[in-house]
Protein backbone atom coordinates (compact mmCIF):
# COMPACT_ATOMS: atom_id res chain seq x y z
CA MET A 1 60.97 43.01 44.65
CA LEU A 2 63.28 45.45 46.12
CA ARG A 3 65.29 48.07 44.44
CA SER A 4 68.51 49.05 45.58
CA CYS A 5 69.26 53.24 45.68
CA TRP A 6 71.51 52.94 42.54
CA GLY A 7 68.80 51.48 40.32
CA SER A 8 69.97 47.82 39.90
CA ASN A 9 67.18 45.49 39.37
CA VAL A 10 67.09 43.02 41.77
CA ASP A 11 64.60 41.09 40.56
CA LEU A 12 66.14 40.16 37.63
CA TYR A 13 69.17 39.07 39.92
CA ASP A 14 66.75 36.94 41.97
CA ALA A 15 65.30 35.45 38.55
CA MET A 16 68.97 34.76 36.70
CA TRP A 17 69.69 32.65 40.10
CA ARG A 18 66.02 30.90 40.11
CA LYS A 19 67.05 30.05 36.40
CA TYR A 20 70.14 28.57 37.58
CA ARG A 21 68.48 26.30 40.54
CA ARG A 22 66.03 25.05 38.35
CA LEU A 23 68.88 24.19 35.37
CA ARG A 24 70.75 22.50 38.29
CA MET A 25 67.90 20.30 40.11
CA THR A 26 66.45 19.69 36.54
CA HIS A 27 70.19 18.29 35.79
CA ILE A 28 70.64 16.53 38.80
CA LEU A 29 67.03 14.14 38.36
CA LEU A 30 67.80 13.93 34.77
CA TRP A 31 71.56 12.31 35.79
CA LEU A 32 69.76 10.44 38.89
CA GLY A 33 67.17 8.89 36.41
CA PHE A 34 69.83 7.59 33.76
CA LEU A 35 69.65 4.40 35.40
CA PRO A 36 66.09 3.68 35.78
CA PHE A 37 65.63 4.48 32.32
CA VAL A 38 68.60 2.43 31.01
CA TRP A 39 66.63 -0.38 33.13
CA ILE A 40 63.34 0.13 31.87
CA TRP A 41 64.64 0.58 28.06
CA TYR A 42 66.83 -2.92 28.68
CA PHE A 43 63.65 -5.03 30.23
CA PHE A 44 61.26 -4.02 27.19
CA SER A 45 64.10 -4.28 24.62
CA GLN A 46 63.99 -7.90 25.18
CA VAL A 47 60.17 -8.25 24.31
CA PRO A 48 60.31 -9.23 20.82
CA LYS A 49 57.57 -7.22 19.24
CA LEU A 50 59.28 -3.74 21.21
CA HIS A 51 62.57 -4.27 20.49
CA LYS A 52 62.34 -1.53 17.59
CA VAL A 53 60.05 0.91 19.28
CA VAL A 54 62.62 1.29 21.59
CA GLY A 55 65.44 1.96 20.08
CA PRO A 56 64.46 5.41 19.05
CA LEU A 57 63.39 6.65 23.03
CA ILE A 58 66.98 7.05 23.92
CA PRO A 59 67.65 10.13 21.94
CA LEU A 60 63.90 11.21 23.81
CA TYR A 61 66.62 11.34 26.68
CA VAL A 62 69.94 11.93 25.98
CA LEU A 63 68.78 14.90 23.78
CA PRO A 64 66.94 17.03 27.05
CA TRP A 65 69.46 15.98 29.15
CA ALA A 66 72.52 17.56 26.79
CA VAL A 67 70.76 20.68 26.58
CA VAL A 68 70.43 20.95 30.31
CA MET A 69 73.45 20.25 30.62
CA ILE A 70 74.90 22.64 28.01
CA ARG A 71 72.56 25.46 29.42
CA PHE A 72 73.62 24.83 32.93
CA GLU A 73 77.52 24.82 32.21
CA THR A 74 77.24 27.85 30.27
CA PHE A 75 75.64 29.19 33.29
CA ARG A 76 76.79 33.18 33.86
CA CYS A 77 77.02 34.83 37.39
CA PRO A 78 74.16 37.46 37.22
CA ARG A 79 77.07 39.75 39.20
CA CYS A 80 79.99 39.71 37.66
CA GLY A 81 79.39 37.92 33.80
CA LYS A 82 81.63 35.80 34.35
CA PHE A 83 81.02 31.79 33.91
CA PHE A 84 79.67 29.82 36.69
CA ALA A 85 80.02 26.65 35.97
CA MET A 86 83.16 26.09 33.74
CA ALA A 87 86.04 28.19 35.65
CA ARG A 88 89.28 27.68 34.88
CA TRP A 89 91.23 25.78 37.84
């Protein structure tokens, strides 16, 4: 990629913004997938033999969602280094 005449790394800057966009999209997809996940979980929890198996599946959905949310919320701006999503109003 390009480098400025002052030696700043434009590749790193672009990579950080790609990371932010990837985290944002993953967070949105996990958030939108919550209702279908709950619907499927509820459907399978009504089956007598599967209700004990379905219970442990909740952390398999919530844990990645929490990790992505924390990484998304603590993302720092590549230019100034301040928190991007957790700005104080």
